[in-house]
């Protein structure tokens, strides 16, 4: 019998050199390896290089979507880390031919110049991928030091690992680096497992990753719930199959997050352990009732939050816009009240639109103004409790509204610098939607923030003839007045060129033109005064949308 599952031993070069983009499924967990795992892999590779031996890194499970695209069901952590090692080697290399060979395992220069979507060997999920492009995959990316990250963000993990890798690789001799590269390219051995569809891929992943290993937290909770439900074997099997379906819809990490949200809704406490779930939740609702009636509704609510695809009649498109804005936020605390609202009020279509528009403003204000975690958490907890108690949400006295002093502080923050990658992108995309004829941009869209005045200006650059000294450049470069939004290949092409050259690239290379970029079409200069003035104009527009239009 032909199962459709095929396997083949190959080198990493054969896996990455194919004319196929390796993409992470939408709900695949993010990159989670820390220095310990990265160090173990690098140590194994260096040992193999020293002995000129092969090194087996296991199976890479793929689902072939079409002849140009494969989804990575299992192997993201290894492939991402190997790409990071190659990127560090590439950016430390001085030999141009070797640098080209290194980059060939990361991306295709010619396709990148043409803006071809298949310019890169790997594409991560929509949260990680823009940062992965800018901080790892682009040539020279790992040597940049101007990409700021939140300490608690997943991007900080990338930065920490990259810095550690550079400290290990930089002291190596040229011969040692060459040997390491050749080992990665030619002597890293993988088993390429191809499955015919996503369901088969999930099953192969489960077999590869659960045999003899500790179960995920959601598996522990599932076992506890089924034990407390005390149902016949046939029913237990049915619930187990449904649980696997929830995992397929949300991903393992997504299901873990949902169960944590449910625990918070029952306990009103943010922190807790996996073992607390049964004590907190099942002490207040019968296990079978939870499985039959509550969990499916929570899954629907969370899937709406995760994907941004509400089912709210003629209000769906407008609510999706608000959810797309929310999904840009650099923290996830907003998901708790969002799930609570959808679970308890999904039938209130008109109110739902107003609620999510106010929640979007609320979350941005939390990101911009309430930066300390404890006060921010208290504000979210108060909002969630208001929802659970069925109290009014839309009147001017609810927690969703802000004082004049709060508004002033938000304006001041919007007028300042945005060195943080996630916040910079979130604000730029939100501004794009606020402009006349603007549109909401999904987090998954090919939309990157381009600094018109480059962040790093070479000494002999044209920019130094029209701009003041370095401190003024640094002050204004990261303000919203200096931002435009362009597709990735336009961003690469524009790089550090002067203003007129950038305008030609923005408007004449055939890329998508966003409203925030269209604003530059008729501008003839780009000076410090231009940036200050544009910053003030853009801040006025966003403040009007948030604090005048919404409060009418």
Protein backbone atom coordinates (compact mmCIF):
# COMPACT_ATOMS: atom_id res chain seq x y z
CA UNK A 1 0.00 0.00 0.00
CA UNK A 2 1.34 3.43 -0.94
CA UNK A 3 1.02 5.76 2.06
CA UNK A 4 2.23 8.74 0.09
CA UNK A 5 5.00 9.32 2.64
CA UNK A 6 8.44 9.44 1.02
CA UNK A 7 11.89 9.78 2.58
CA UNK A 8 15.29 10.50 1.12
CA UNK A 9 18.72 11.07 2.65
CA UNK A 10 20.33 14.27 1.43
CA UNK A 11 22.83 16.99 2.35
CA UNK A 12 21.77 20.36 3.68
CA UNK A 13 22.92 21.94 0.42
CA UNK A 14 20.60 19.65 -1.52
CA UNK A 15 17.71 20.55 0.78
CA UNK A 16 18.30 24.31 0.61
CA UNK A 17 19.48 24.58 -2.98
CA UNK A 18 16.22 23.27 -4.42
CA UNK A 19 14.08 25.71 -6.41
CA UNK A 20 11.59 25.66 -3.54
CA UNK A 21 10.84 28.00 -0.66
CA UNK A 22 10.63 26.30 2.73
CA UNK A 23 7.84 28.01 4.66
CA UNK A 24 6.53 27.63 8.19
CA UNK A 25 2.81 26.83 8.42
CA UNK A 26 0.78 29.80 9.75
CA UNK A 27 0.32 28.31 13.18
CA UNK A 28 3.72 26.73 13.64
CA UNK A 29 5.28 27.79 16.92
CA UNK A 30 7.91 30.50 16.83
CA UNK A 31 11.66 30.02 17.11
CA UNK A 32 12.35 28.83 20.68
CA UNK A 33 15.95 27.62 20.84
CA UNK A 34 18.20 29.24 23.41
CA UNK A 35 21.99 29.41 23.62
CA UNK A 36 22.14 25.91 25.15
CA UNK A 37 20.55 24.26 22.10
CA UNK A 38 22.43 26.52 19.66
CA UNK A 39 25.72 25.74 21.45
CA UNK A 40 25.10 22.02 21.29
CA UNK A 41 24.48 22.14 17.54
CA UNK A 42 27.50 24.37 16.86
CA UNK A 43 29.68 22.14 19.03
CA UNK A 44 28.60 19.05 17.09
CA UNK A 45 29.31 20.82 13.80
CA UNK A 46 32.77 21.95 14.89
CA UNK A 47 33.63 18.43 16.04
CA UNK A 48 32.48 17.04 12.68
CA UNK A 49 34.47 19.73 10.85
CA UNK A 50 37.64 18.98 12.80
CA UNK A 51 37.40 15.29 11.91
CA UNK A 52 35.96 15.89 8.41
CA UNK A 53 33.09 13.64 9.38
CA UNK A 54 29.41 13.70 8.48
CA UNK A 55 26.86 14.90 11.03
CA UNK A 56 23.27 13.61 11.04
CA UNK A 57 20.67 16.13 12.28
CA UNK A 58 17.57 13.97 11.91
CA UNK A 59 14.43 14.18 9.81
CA UNK A 60 13.01 17.29 8.20
CA UNK A 61 9.29 16.75 7.56
CA UNK A 62 7.80 18.68 4.64
CA UNK A 63 4.42 19.01 2.97
CA UNK A 64 4.79 19.91 -0.70
CA UNK A 65 2.17 22.61 -1.40
CA UNK A 66 3.15 23.01 -5.05
CA UNK A 67 6.31 22.71 -7.14
CA UNK A 68 7.68 25.94 -5.64
CA UNK A 69 6.66 25.74 -1.97
CA UNK A 70 7.03 23.24 0.87
CA UNK A 71 5.71 23.66 4.40
CA UNK A 72 8.09 22.69 7.21
CA UNK A 73 6.09 20.50 9.59
CA UNK A 74 9.14 19.52 11.64
CA UNK A 75 12.65 21.00 11.49
CA UNK A 76 12.11 24.73 12.00
CA UNK A 77 14.45 25.06 14.99
CA UNK A 78 17.35 23.24 13.31
CA UNK A 79 16.97 24.94 9.92
CA UNK A 80 16.61 28.40 11.46
CA UNK A 81 19.70 27.91 13.62
CA UNK A 82 21.75 26.58 10.71
CA UNK A 83 20.71 29.63 8.68
CA UNK A 84 21.86 31.87 11.53
CA UNK A 85 25.25 30.13 11.65
CA UNK A 86 25.62 30.50 7.88
CA UNK A 87 24.64 34.18 8.10
CA UNK A 88 27.28 34.90 10.75
CA UNK A 89 29.91 33.07 8.69
CA UNK A 90 28.86 35.03 5.59
CA UNK A 91 29.00 38.43 7.28
CA UNK A 92 32.42 37.77 8.82
CA UNK A 93 33.86 36.55 5.51
CA UNK A 94 36.11 38.84 3.44
CA UNK A 95 36.55 36.56 0.42
CA UNK A 96 33.78 37.61 -2.01
CA UNK A 97 33.53 34.24 -3.75
CA UNK A 98 33.15 32.39 -0.45
CA UNK A 99 30.69 35.04 0.77
CA UNK A 100 28.61 34.39 -2.36
CA UNK A 101 28.67 30.64 -1.78
CA UNK A 102 27.58 31.12 1.84
CA UNK A 103 24.71 33.39 0.87
CA UNK A 104 23.54 30.89 -1.74
CA UNK A 105 22.31 28.65 1.10
CA UNK A 106 20.34 31.58 2.55
CA UNK A 107 18.96 33.38 -0.47
CA UNK A 108 19.18 34.11 -4.18
CA UNK A 109 20.69 37.53 -4.97
CA UNK A 110 19.28 37.77 -8.48
CA UNK A 111 15.75 36.93 -7.41
CA UNK A 112 16.01 39.32 -4.46
CA UNK A 113 16.93 42.15 -6.83
CA UNK A 114 13.87 41.29 -8.97
CA UNK A 115 11.60 41.16 -5.94
CA UNK A 116 10.85 37.47 -6.51
CA UNK A 117 8.96 35.95 -3.54
CA UNK A 118 11.19 32.86 -3.84
CA UNK A 119 14.37 34.83 -3.21
CA UNK A 120 14.84 33.20 0.21
CA UNK A 121 15.37 29.56 1.11
CA UNK A 122 13.31 29.88 4.31
CA UNK A 123 10.30 31.92 5.39
CA UNK A 124 9.24 31.94 9.05
CA UNK A 125 5.81 32.81 10.43
CA UNK A 126 4.44 36.32 9.95
CA UNK A 127 5.56 37.45 13.40
CA UNK A 128 9.19 36.34 13.10
CA UNK A 129 9.79 36.64 9.37
CA UNK A 130 10.21 40.44 8.91
CA UNK A 131 12.74 40.47 11.76
CA UNK A 132 14.44 37.29 10.46
CA UNK A 133 14.91 38.94 7.05
CA UNK A 134 16.33 42.15 8.52
CA UNK A 135 18.46 40.66 11.30
CA UNK A 136 19.66 37.39 9.73
CA UNK A 137 19.03 36.72 6.06
CA UNK A 138 19.95 40.00 4.36
CA UNK A 139 23.63 40.34 3.52
CA UNK A 140 25.46 42.11 6.33
CA UNK A 141 22.45 41.76 8.64
CA UNK A 142 24.20 40.04 11.55
CA UNK A 143 26.76 42.85 11.84
CA UNK A 144 24.16 45.54 12.41
CA UNK A 145 23.69 46.81 15.94
CA UNK A 146 20.73 49.18 15.47
CA UNK A 147 17.82 46.73 15.70
CA UNK A 148 16.25 47.06 19.12
CA UNK A 149 14.03 44.38 20.64
CA UNK A 150 11.84 43.98 23.69
CA UNK A 151 13.56 41.94 26.38
CA UNK A 152 10.58 39.57 26.53
CA UNK A 153 10.07 39.28 22.78
CA UNK A 154 10.94 36.29 20.65
CA UNK A 155 13.16 38.58 18.56
CA UNK A 156 15.39 39.08 21.57
CA UNK A 157 16.10 35.33 21.46
CA UNK A 158 17.33 35.71 17.87
CA UNK A 159 19.59 38.59 18.86
CA UNK A 160 21.00 36.78 21.89
CA UNK A 161 21.79 33.69 19.83
CA UNK A 162 23.33 35.74 17.01
CA UNK A 163 25.58 37.61 19.41
CA UNK A 164 26.65 34.34 21.04
CA UNK A 165 27.36 32.75 17.66
CA UNK A 166 29.50 35.69 16.57
CA UNK A 167 31.56 35.44 19.77
CA UNK A 168 32.22 31.77 19.02
CA UNK A 169 32.90 32.09 15.29
CA UNK A 170 34.82 35.38 15.05
CA UNK A 171 37.98 34.08 16.80
CA UNK A 172 38.15 31.07 14.47
CA UNK A 173 40.82 31.08 11.77
CA UNK A 174 39.87 31.39 8.11
CA UNK A 175 40.64 27.71 7.61
CA UNK A 176 38.40 26.73 10.53
CA UNK A 177 35.52 28.83 9.23
CA UNK A 178 35.91 27.36 5.75
CA UNK A 179 35.89 23.85 7.19
CA UNK A 180 32.78 24.65 9.24
CA UNK A 181 30.98 25.97 6.16
CA UNK A 182 31.94 22.96 4.04
CA UNK A 183 30.73 20.65 6.80
CA UNK A 184 27.37 22.43 6.99
CA UNK A 185 27.01 22.47 3.21
CA UNK A 186 28.26 19.01 2.30
CA UNK A 187 28.44 16.83 5.41
CA UNK A 188 25.29 17.73 7.35
CA UNK A 189 22.98 14.83 6.58
CA UNK A 190 19.19 14.99 6.86
CA UNK A 191 16.35 12.64 6.09
CA UNK A 192 13.94 14.58 3.92
CA UNK A 193 10.47 13.22 4.71
CA UNK A 194 7.72 14.34 2.34
CA UNK A 195 4.09 13.75 3.27
CA UNK A 196 1.10 14.21 0.94
CA UNK A 197 -0.97 16.58 3.13
CA UNK A 198 -0.97 18.51 6.38
CA UNK A 199 -2.86 15.90 8.35
CA UNK A 200 -0.26 13.28 7.50
CA UNK A 201 2.44 15.82 8.34
CA UNK A 202 0.98 16.43 11.78
CA UNK A 203 0.86 12.68 12.44
CA UNK A 204 4.49 12.19 11.41
CA UNK A 205 5.44 15.15 13.60
CA UNK A 206 3.59 13.62 16.54
CA UNK A 207 5.35 10.27 16.14
CA UNK A 208 8.78 11.87 15.80
CA UNK A 209 8.37 14.21 18.74
CA UNK A 210 6.37 12.37 21.40
CA UNK A 211 7.98 8.95 21.58
CA UNK A 212 9.91 8.82 24.85
CA UNK A 213 9.65 12.59 25.45
CA UNK A 214 7.70 14.61 27.98
CA UNK A 215 4.25 15.58 26.68
CA UNK A 216 3.21 19.16 25.97
CA UNK A 217 1.34 21.00 28.69
CA UNK A 218 -1.90 20.75 26.72
CA UNK A 219 -1.49 16.96 26.60
CA UNK A 220 -1.21 16.91 30.40
CA UNK A 221 -4.36 19.02 30.71
CA UNK A 222 -6.21 16.79 28.22
CA UNK A 223 -5.39 13.72 30.31
CA UNK A 224 -6.60 15.42 33.49
CA UNK A 225 -9.87 16.53 31.90
CA UNK A 226 -10.60 13.07 30.49
CA UNK A 227 -9.85 11.48 33.84
CA UNK A 228 -12.26 13.83 35.61
CA UNK A 229 -14.90 13.38 32.91
CA UNK A 230 -14.85 9.62 33.60
CA UNK A 231 -16.41 8.78 30.22
CA UNK A 232 -16.51 5.41 28.39
CA UNK A 233 -13.52 4.51 26.23
CA UNK A 234 -15.40 5.27 23.00
CA UNK A 235 -16.22 8.79 24.19
CA UNK A 236 -12.67 9.30 25.43
CA UNK A 237 -11.35 8.42 21.97
CA UNK A 238 -13.79 10.90 20.40
CA UNK A 239 -12.65 13.70 22.71
CA UNK A 240 -9.00 12.82 22.03
CA UNK A 241 -9.62 13.10 18.28
CA UNK A 242 -11.32 16.46 18.77
CA UNK A 243 -8.35 17.60 20.85
CA UNK A 244 -5.99 16.69 18.02
CA UNK A 245 -8.19 18.71 15.68
CA UNK A 246 -7.93 21.73 17.99
CA UNK A 247 -4.15 21.32 17.98
CA UNK A 248 -4.15 21.14 14.17
CA UNK A 249 -6.21 24.35 13.99
CA UNK A 250 -4.26 26.35 16.56
CA UNK A 251 -0.85 24.66 16.69
CA UNK A 252 0.59 23.16 19.85
CA UNK A 253 1.78 26.50 21.24
CA UNK A 254 -1.52 28.11 20.29
CA UNK A 255 -3.50 25.48 22.17
CA UNK A 256 -1.21 25.96 25.17
CA UNK A 257 -1.83 29.71 25.05
CA UNK A 258 -5.59 29.25 24.77
CA UNK A 259 -5.69 26.97 27.81
CA UNK A 260 -3.65 29.54 29.72
CA UNK A 261 -6.15 32.23 28.70
CA UNK A 262 -9.05 30.05 29.88
CA UNK A 263 -7.29 29.51 33.20
CA UNK A 264 -6.89 33.27 33.58
CA UNK A 265 -10.56 33.85 32.81
CA UNK A 266 -11.55 31.43 35.57
CA UNK A 267 -8.96 32.51 38.13
CA UNK A 268 -8.47 36.19 37.19
CA UNK A 269 -4.76 35.63 37.73
CA UNK A 270 -2.19 35.97 34.97
CA UNK A 271 0.42 33.65 36.39
CA UNK A 272 -0.07 29.96 37.05
CA UNK A 273 1.19 26.48 36.35
CA UNK A 274 -0.05 23.77 34.03
CA UNK A 275 -1.06 21.75 37.08
CA UNK A 276 -3.35 24.60 38.18
CA UNK A 277 -5.76 24.18 35.26
CA UNK A 278 -7.82 21.35 36.66
CA UNK A 279 -7.93 22.91 40.12
CA UNK A 280 -8.96 26.33 38.80
CA UNK A 281 -11.25 25.46 35.89
CA UNK A 282 -12.67 22.04 36.64
CA UNK A 283 -13.60 23.06 40.16
CA UNK A 284 -16.09 25.49 38.58
CA UNK A 285 -17.38 23.56 35.58
CA UNK A 286 -18.04 19.88 34.98
CA UNK A 287 -15.29 18.29 32.85
CA UNK A 288 -17.73 16.84 30.31
CA UNK A 289 -19.59 20.15 30.03
CA UNK A 290 -16.27 21.88 29.46
CA UNK A 291 -15.37 19.47 26.65
CA UNK A 292 -18.83 19.50 25.02
CA UNK A 293 -19.87 23.12 25.30
CA UNK A 294 -17.16 25.47 26.49
CA UNK A 295 -13.92 24.36 24.85
CA UNK A 296 -15.28 24.38 21.24
CA UNK A 297 -16.53 27.96 21.72
CA UNK A 298 -13.22 29.04 23.21
CA UNK A 299 -11.38 27.45 20.28
CA UNK A 300 -13.58 29.37 17.83
CA UNK A 301 -12.95 32.62 19.71
CA UNK A 302 -9.21 32.10 19.91
CA UNK A 303 -8.95 31.06 16.25
CA UNK A 304 -10.66 34.34 15.33
CA UNK A 305 -8.09 36.23 17.40
CA UNK A 306 -5.20 34.22 15.97
CA UNK A 307 -6.19 34.46 12.32
CA UNK A 308 -8.18 37.71 12.31
CA UNK A 309 -11.21 36.19 10.56
CA UNK A 310 -14.36 37.09 12.55
CA UNK A 311 -17.84 35.85 11.68
CA UNK A 312 -19.85 38.93 12.58
CA UNK A 313 -22.09 39.47 9.57
CA UNK A 314 -21.69 42.75 7.74
CA UNK A 315 -19.35 43.97 10.48
CA UNK A 316 -16.80 41.22 9.81
CA UNK A 317 -14.55 43.25 7.49
CA UNK A 318 -14.34 46.21 9.87
CA UNK A 319 -13.68 43.94 12.89
CA UNK A 320 -11.00 42.13 10.87
CA UNK A 321 -9.31 45.51 10.31
CA UNK A 322 -9.20 46.12 14.07
CA UNK A 323 -7.90 42.58 14.69
CA UNK A 324 -5.19 43.04 12.07
CA UNK A 325 -4.07 46.17 13.92
CA UNK A 326 -4.12 44.29 17.22
CA UNK A 327 -2.04 41.46 15.82
CA UNK A 328 0.75 44.00 15.19
CA UNK A 329 1.08 44.78 18.91
CA UNK A 330 4.34 43.71 20.57
CA UNK A 331 2.59 42.09 23.55
CA UNK A 332 -0.16 39.47 23.73
CA UNK A 333 -2.09 40.63 26.82
CA UNK A 334 -4.92 41.95 24.62
CA UNK A 335 -5.82 38.39 23.62
CA UNK A 336 -7.37 37.62 27.03
CA UNK A 337 -10.13 40.27 26.87
CA UNK A 338 -10.55 39.61 23.13
CA UNK A 339 -11.26 35.90 23.73
CA UNK A 340 -13.49 36.72 26.71
CA UNK A 341 -15.53 39.16 24.63
CA UNK A 342 -15.96 36.81 21.66
CA UNK A 343 -16.95 33.95 23.96
CA UNK A 344 -19.63 35.95 25.77
CA UNK A 345 -20.78 38.52 23.17
CA UNK A 346 -20.18 37.15 19.67
CA UNK A 347 -23.85 37.71 18.78
CA UNK A 348 -23.65 41.50 19.38
CA UNK A 349 -22.40 42.51 15.95
CA UNK A 350 -22.74 46.30 16.25
CA UNK A 351 -21.26 46.40 19.76
CA UNK A 352 -18.50 43.99 18.72
CA UNK A 353 -17.23 46.42 16.08
CA UNK A 354 -17.05 49.31 18.54
CA UNK A 355 -15.47 47.08 21.19
CA UNK A 356 -12.64 45.87 18.94
CA UNK A 357 -11.96 49.37 17.66
CA UNK A 358 -11.66 50.56 21.27
CA UNK A 359 -9.60 47.48 22.21
CA UNK A 360 -7.22 48.23 19.36
CA UNK A 361 -6.73 51.78 20.68
CA UNK A 362 -6.41 50.44 24.23
CA UNK A 363 -3.68 47.95 23.23
CA UNK A 364 -1.68 50.58 21.35
CA UNK A 365 -1.89 52.93 24.32
CA UNK A 366 -0.70 50.11 26.58
CA UNK A 367 2.24 49.58 24.23
CA UNK A 368 3.10 53.28 23.96
CA UNK A 369 2.26 54.72 27.37
CA UNK A 370 1.81 52.02 30.04
CA UNK A 371 5.19 50.38 29.56
CA UNK A 372 5.67 48.88 33.05
CA UNK A 373 4.35 45.34 33.07
CA UNK A 374 2.48 45.42 36.41
CA UNK A 375 0.38 48.56 35.76
CA UNK A 376 -0.27 47.35 32.21
CA UNK A 377 -1.43 43.95 33.48
CA UNK A 378 -3.73 45.60 36.03
CA UNK A 379 -5.41 47.64 33.28
CA UNK A 380 -5.96 44.51 31.18
CA UNK A 381 -7.25 42.57 34.19
CA UNK A 382 -9.74 45.35 34.97
CA UNK A 383 -10.95 45.28 31.36
CA UNK A 384 -11.34 41.49 31.40
CA UNK A 385 -13.27 41.60 34.68
CA UNK A 386 -15.59 44.23 33.22
CA UNK A 387 -16.34 41.91 30.30
CA UNK A 388 -16.92 38.87 32.53
CA UNK A 389 -19.21 40.88 34.83
CA UNK A 390 -21.31 42.06 31.88
CA UNK A 391 -20.76 45.73 32.76
CA UNK A 392 -20.96 48.54 30.16
CA UNK A 393 -17.87 48.71 27.97
CA UNK A 394 -18.61 51.51 25.55
CA UNK A 395 -19.51 54.46 27.76
CA UNK A 396 -16.97 57.14 28.53
CA UNK A 397 -16.35 55.88 32.06
CA UNK A 398 -15.11 52.38 31.12
CA UNK A 399 -11.48 51.29 31.29
CA UNK A 400 -11.36 51.45 27.48
CA UNK A 401 -11.32 55.25 27.64
CA UNK A 402 -8.43 57.54 28.57
CA UNK A 403 -7.94 60.82 30.36
CA UNK A 404 -6.64 63.98 28.72
CA UNK A 405 -3.35 63.43 30.57
CA UNK A 406 -3.07 59.90 29.13
CA UNK A 407 -3.76 61.28 25.66
CA UNK A 408 -1.04 63.90 26.03
CA UNK A 409 1.47 61.23 27.03
CA UNK A 410 0.47 59.08 24.04
CA UNK A 411 1.00 62.06 21.73
CA UNK A 412 4.42 62.73 23.26
CA UNK A 413 5.41 59.09 22.77
CA UNK A 414 4.20 59.05 19.15
CA UNK A 415 6.34 62.11 18.51
CA UNK A 416 9.46 60.39 19.84
CA UNK A 417 11.84 57.73 18.54
CA UNK A 418 10.90 54.15 17.64
CA UNK A 419 14.07 52.10 17.80
CA UNK A 420 12.19 48.92 18.69
CA UNK A 421 11.57 46.82 15.56
CA UNK A 422 8.10 45.54 16.46
CA UNK A 423 6.78 48.88 17.66
CA UNK A 424 8.19 50.66 14.63
CA UNK A 425 6.38 48.32 12.25
CA UNK A 426 3.15 48.38 14.27
CA UNK A 427 2.99 52.17 14.33
CA UNK A 428 3.92 52.57 10.65
CA UNK A 429 1.29 50.08 9.48
CA UNK A 430 -1.32 51.62 11.79
CA UNK A 431 -0.53 55.06 10.36
CA UNK A 432 -0.93 53.70 6.85
CA UNK A 433 -4.52 52.71 7.66
CA UNK A 434 -5.26 56.08 9.29
CA UNK A 435 -4.34 58.12 6.20
CA UNK A 436 -6.86 59.27 3.65
CA UNK A 437 -7.33 56.42 1.14
CA UNK A 438 -5.20 54.29 3.46
CA UNK A 439 -5.80 50.62 4.05
CA UNK A 440 -5.25 48.17 6.87
CA UNK A 441 -2.18 46.00 6.32
CA UNK A 442 -2.24 42.44 7.59
CA UNK A 443 0.74 41.35 9.71
CA UNK A 444 1.38 38.67 7.08
CA UNK A 445 1.65 41.17 4.19
CA UNK A 446 4.97 41.96 2.55
CA UNK A 447 5.29 45.37 4.19
CA UNK A 448 8.53 46.61 5.73
CA UNK A 449 9.48 49.93 7.30
CA UNK A 450 11.99 51.88 5.24
CA UNK A 451 13.84 54.84 6.78
CA UNK A 452 14.00 57.61 4.19
CA UNK A 453 17.03 59.09 5.95
CA UNK A 454 19.11 55.90 6.46
CA UNK A 455 19.85 54.76 9.98
CA UNK A 456 23.56 54.45 9.21
CA UNK A 457 24.82 57.27 6.96
CA UNK A 458 28.30 56.71 5.43
CA UNK A 459 30.76 59.58 5.82
CA UNK A 460 30.84 60.31 2.08
CA UNK A 461 27.06 60.11 1.67
CA UNK A 462 24.96 62.76 -0.06
CA UNK A 463 22.83 62.88 3.08
CA UNK A 464 25.61 64.62 5.02
CA UNK A 465 25.47 67.57 2.63
CA UNK A 466 21.80 68.35 3.32
CA UNK A 467 21.44 67.20 6.93
CA UNK A 468 22.94 68.61 10.12
CA UNK A 469 25.27 66.74 12.42
CA UNK A 470 25.06 63.13 13.54
CA UNK A 471 23.04 63.72 16.75
CA UNK A 472 20.22 65.38 14.77
CA UNK A 473 20.24 62.54 12.26
CA UNK A 474 20.01 59.98 15.07
CA UNK A 475 17.26 61.95 16.80
CA UNK A 476 14.98 62.17 13.75
CA UNK A 477 15.82 59.00 11.86
CA UNK A 478 13.65 56.79 14.08
CA UNK A 479 10.66 59.14 14.24
CA UNK A 480 7.45 58.37 12.34
CA UNK A 481 8.03 61.32 10.00
CA UNK A 482 11.01 59.45 8.50
CA UNK A 483 9.10 56.20 7.87
CA UNK A 484 7.58 54.80 4.69
CA UNK A 485 6.28 51.29 4.00
CA UNK A 486 7.58 49.28 1.06
CA UNK A 487 7.81 45.63 0.02
CA UNK A 488 10.94 43.79 1.11
CA UNK A 489 12.70 43.92 -2.27
CA UNK A 490 12.12 47.70 -2.54
CA UNK A 491 13.56 48.12 0.95
CA UNK A 492 16.71 46.27 -0.12
CA UNK A 493 17.02 48.26 -3.33
CA UNK A 494 16.59 51.64 -1.60
CA UNK A 495 19.13 50.93 1.16
CA UNK A 496 21.26 54.09 1.76
CA UNK A 497 20.62 55.89 -1.52
CA UNK A 498 19.87 59.60 -1.64
CA UNK A 499 16.33 60.96 -1.58
CA UNK A 500 15.74 61.30 -5.30
CA UNK A 501 17.10 57.85 -6.05
CA UNK A 502 14.90 56.38 -3.34
CA UNK A 503 11.81 58.07 -4.77
CA UNK A 504 12.49 56.51 -8.16
CA UNK A 505 12.79 53.09 -6.56
CA UNK A 506 9.62 53.59 -4.49
CA UNK A 507 7.46 54.66 -7.41
CA UNK A 508 9.03 53.22 -10.56
CA UNK A 509 10.03 49.63 -9.74
CA UNK A 510 6.52 48.22 -9.83
CA UNK A 511 6.14 47.35 -6.16
CA UNK A 512 3.02 47.88 -4.08
CA UNK A 513 2.71 51.56 -3.13
CA UNK A 514 1.34 52.10 0.37
CA UNK A 515 -0.41 55.28 1.45
CA UNK A 516 2.37 56.16 3.89
CA UNK A 517 4.79 56.10 0.95
CA UNK A 518 2.49 57.86 -1.53
CA UNK A 519 2.85 60.95 0.67
CA UNK A 520 6.42 61.35 -0.65
CA UNK A 521 5.55 61.40 -4.36
CA UNK A 522 5.39 65.20 -4.72
CA UNK A 523 8.06 66.08 -2.18
CA UNK A 524 11.24 67.58 -3.61
CA UNK A 525 13.38 67.61 -0.48
CA UNK A 526 13.96 65.60 2.68
CA UNK A 527 15.43 67.75 5.41
CA UNK A 528 15.28 67.76 9.20
CA UNK A 529 12.43 70.28 9.02
CA UNK A 530 10.55 68.02 6.56
CA UNK A 531 10.79 65.11 8.98
CA UNK A 532 9.76 67.18 12.01
CA UNK A 533 6.79 68.62 10.15
CA UNK A 534 5.69 65.26 8.77
CA UNK A 535 5.99 63.66 12.22
CA UNK A 536 3.65 66.29 13.64
CA UNK A 537 1.17 65.84 10.79
CA UNK A 538 1.10 62.04 11.11
CA UNK A 539 0.75 62.17 14.90
CA UNK A 540 -2.18 64.59 14.51
CA UNK A 541 -3.90 62.19 12.11
CA UNK A 542 -3.54 59.15 14.35
CA UNK A 543 -4.59 61.07 17.49
CA UNK A 544 -7.67 62.29 15.62
CA UNK A 545 -8.61 58.73 14.61
CA UNK A 546 -8.06 57.37 18.11
CA UNK A 547 -9.36 60.12 20.35
CA UNK A 548 -11.84 62.13 18.31
CA UNK A 549 -13.44 59.84 15.75
CA UNK A 550 -13.73 56.86 18.14
CA UNK A 551 -15.20 58.89 20.99
CA UNK A 552 -17.92 60.51 18.90
